[in-house]
N, C-alpha and C. Protein backbone atom coordinates (compact mmCIF):
# COMPACT_ATOMS: atom_id res chain seq x y z
N UNK A 1 8.10 15.64 0.17
CA UNK A 1 7.01 16.74 -0.10
C UNK A 1 7.13 17.47 0.63
N UNK A 2 7.77 17.72 1.86
CA UNK A 2 8.11 17.86 2.76
C UNK A 2 9.16 19.32 2.41
N UNK A 3 10.21 18.42 1.94
CA UNK A 3 11.36 19.01 1.97
C UNK A 3 11.19 19.85 0.22
N UNK A 4 10.41 19.38 -0.67
CA UNK A 4 10.30 20.08 -1.84
C UNK A 4 9.50 21.49 -1.32
N UNK A 5 8.74 21.19 -0.42
CA UNK A 5 8.23 22.57 -0.30
C UNK A 5 9.31 23.34 0.54
N UNK A 6 10.10 23.06 1.95
CA UNK A 6 10.71 23.52 2.29
C UNK A 6 12.10 23.21 2.39
N UNK A 7 12.76 23.69 1.28
CA UNK A 7 14.40 23.32 0.95
C UNK A 7 15.29 23.21 2.30
N UNK A 8 14.76 23.92 3.22
CA UNK A 8 15.85 24.11 4.28
C UNK A 8 16.10 22.55 5.24
N UNK A 9 14.84 21.95 5.40
CA UNK A 9 14.86 20.70 5.97
C UNK A 9 15.94 19.53 5.46
N UNK A 10 16.37 19.82 4.12
CA UNK A 10 17.39 18.49 4.03
C UNK A 10 18.53 18.53 4.79
N UNK A 11 19.02 20.01 5.30
CA UNK A 11 20.34 20.30 5.56
C UNK A 11 19.62 20.14 7.97
N UNK A 12 19.87 19.29 8.01
CA UNK A 12 19.76 19.05 9.18
C UNK A 12 20.70 20.57 10.61
N UNK A 13 21.71 20.98 9.74
CA UNK A 13 22.03 21.84 10.38
C UNK A 13 21.77 23.41 10.41
N UNK A 14 20.83 23.72 9.22
CA UNK A 14 20.13 24.85 8.85
C UNK A 14 18.81 24.66 9.80
N UNK A 15 17.99 23.55 9.93
CA UNK A 15 16.77 22.82 10.75
C UNK A 15 17.02 23.58 11.85
N UNK A 16 17.70 22.98 13.13
CA UNK A 16 18.24 22.90 14.34
C UNK A 16 16.80 21.73 14.78
N UNK A 17 15.69 22.43 15.15
CA UNK A 17 14.78 22.28 15.17
C UNK A 17 13.36 23.10 14.43
N UNK A 18 11.97 22.01 14.05
CA UNK A 18 11.17 23.07 13.61
C UNK A 18 9.80 23.29 14.75
N UNK A 19 10.37 23.10 15.72
CA UNK A 19 9.48 23.86 16.97
C UNK A 19 9.19 25.44 16.37
N UNK A 20 8.12 25.54 16.44
CA UNK A 20 7.45 27.15 16.21
C UNK A 20 7.49 27.69 14.65
N UNK A 21 8.01 26.93 13.76
CA UNK A 21 8.01 27.17 12.54
C UNK A 21 7.03 26.75 11.87
N UNK A 22 6.55 27.49 10.56
CA UNK A 22 5.53 26.85 9.75
C UNK A 22 5.96 26.21 8.74
N UNK A 23 5.29 25.07 8.14
CA UNK A 23 6.39 24.31 7.68
C UNK A 23 4.74 24.58 5.80
N UNK A 24 5.87 24.77 4.90
CA UNK A 24 4.67 24.90 3.74
C UNK A 24 4.42 23.36 2.76
N UNK A 25 3.04 23.29 2.69
CA UNK A 25 2.74 21.72 2.40
C UNK A 25 2.09 22.47 0.87
N UNK A 26 1.84 21.28 0.17
CA UNK A 26 1.16 21.67 -1.16
C UNK A 26 -0.23 20.21 -0.59
N UNK A 27 -0.95 20.39 -1.65
CA UNK A 27 -1.51 19.27 -1.90
C UNK A 27 -1.31 17.57 -2.31
N UNK A 28 -1.64 16.39 -1.83
CA UNK A 28 -1.47 15.21 -2.34
C UNK A 28 -1.52 15.14 -3.73
N UNK A 29 -0.61 14.92 -4.61
CA UNK A 29 -0.76 14.83 -5.70
C UNK A 29 -0.62 12.68 -6.18
N UNK A 30 -0.84 12.48 -6.99
CA UNK A 30 -1.34 10.86 -7.11
C UNK A 30 0.86 10.29 -7.34
N UNK A 31 1.50 11.22 -7.59
CA UNK A 31 2.96 11.05 -7.95
C UNK A 31 3.48 11.06 -6.43
N UNK A 32 2.63 11.44 -5.17
CA UNK A 32 3.13 11.24 -4.52
C UNK A 32 3.02 9.78 -3.36
N UNK A 33 1.55 9.30 -3.92
CA UNK A 33 1.41 8.21 -3.19
C UNK A 33 2.52 7.07 -4.63
N UNK A 34 2.02 6.88 -5.89
CA UNK A 34 3.55 6.43 -6.56
C UNK A 34 4.57 6.19 -5.72
N UNK A 35 5.06 7.29 -5.20
CA UNK A 35 6.44 7.40 -4.29
C UNK A 35 6.63 6.50 -2.92
N UNK A 36 5.32 6.91 -2.40
CA UNK A 36 5.39 5.79 -1.17
C UNK A 36 5.18 4.22 -1.78
N UNK A 37 4.36 3.93 -2.54
CA UNK A 37 4.24 2.59 -2.76
C UNK A 37 5.39 2.18 -3.17
N UNK A 38 6.30 2.92 -3.85
CA UNK A 38 7.69 2.12 -4.63
C UNK A 38 8.47 2.24 -3.11
N UNK A 39 8.59 3.12 -1.74
CA UNK A 39 9.13 3.17 -0.47
C UNK A 39 9.33 2.52 0.51
N UNK A 40 8.00 2.03 0.35
CA UNK A 40 7.04 1.14 1.74
C UNK A 40 7.03 -0.14 1.15
N UNK A 41 7.39 -0.96 2.10
CA UNK A 41 7.28 -2.53 1.46
C UNK A 41 6.17 -2.67 2.25
N UNK A 42 5.36 -3.42 2.11
CA UNK A 42 4.57 -4.47 2.88
C UNK A 42 4.83 -5.01 4.03
N UNK A 43 4.64 -5.19 5.58
CA UNK A 43 5.24 -6.20 6.53
C UNK A 43 4.59 -7.58 6.39
N UNK A 44 3.82 -7.60 5.54
CA UNK A 44 3.01 -8.96 5.27
C UNK A 44 3.45 -9.47 4.01
N UNK A 45 4.35 -10.55 4.56
CA UNK A 45 5.54 -11.52 3.43
C UNK A 45 4.63 -12.40 2.37
N UNK A 46 4.86 -12.72 1.21
CA UNK A 46 3.88 -13.33 0.44
C UNK A 46 3.27 -14.77 1.24
N UNK A 47 4.37 -15.74 1.47
CA UNK A 47 4.21 -17.15 1.90
C UNK A 47 3.06 -16.72 2.67
N UNK A 48 2.75 -15.87 3.84
CA UNK A 48 1.92 -15.78 4.78
C UNK A 48 0.16 -15.11 4.00
N UNK A 49 0.55 -14.34 3.32
CA UNK A 49 -0.44 -14.19 2.54
C UNK A 49 -1.74 -15.21 1.77
N UNK A 50 -0.48 -15.95 1.36
CA UNK A 50 -0.55 -17.66 0.93
C UNK A 50 -1.40 -18.17 1.65
N UNK A 51 -0.80 -17.99 2.88
CA UNK A 51 -1.45 -19.14 3.77
C UNK A 51 -2.70 -18.55 4.39
N UNK A 52 -3.01 -17.15 4.45
CA UNK A 52 -4.53 -16.58 4.45
C UNK A 52 -5.25 -16.81 3.52
N UNK A 53 -5.17 -16.77 2.29
CA UNK A 53 -6.37 -16.98 1.06
C UNK A 53 -6.33 -18.11 0.92
N UNK A 54 -5.57 -19.50 1.33
CA UNK A 54 -5.68 -20.80 0.79
C UNK A 54 -7.08 -20.86 2.59
N UNK A 55 -6.50 -20.60 3.58
CA UNK A 55 -7.55 -20.73 4.83
C UNK A 55 -9.18 -20.14 4.41
N UNK A 56 -8.76 -18.62 3.72
CA UNK A 56 -10.05 -18.28 3.42
C UNK A 56 -10.89 -19.05 2.25
N UNK A 57 -10.32 -19.93 1.17
CA UNK A 57 -10.93 -20.94 0.44
C UNK A 57 -11.49 -21.74 1.03
N UNK A 58 -10.89 -22.53 2.09
CA UNK A 58 -11.10 -23.70 3.39
C UNK A 58 -12.32 -23.60 3.84
N UNK A 59 -12.49 -22.38 4.25
CA UNK A 59 -13.17 -21.99 5.52
C UNK A 59 -14.26 -21.18 4.76
N UNK A 60 -14.53 -20.49 3.58
CA UNK A 60 -15.39 -19.97 2.86
C UNK A 60 -15.59 -18.47 3.62
N UNK A 61 -14.37 -17.72 3.91
CA UNK A 61 -14.36 -16.82 4.51
C UNK A 61 -13.70 -15.51 2.94
């Protein structure tokens, strides 16, 4: 999203440092969340999640 609104961020040579610069942003949209869900993976593995679910069933949480 930042690169979309600030194309110079895509080129590290042109950016140098962002200190003192004003970045342009836009409001978040559903597509931003969809993009993040595709890119970010859960730190909790399925097997561990199943273990917690089983524990919750056994102990009523």
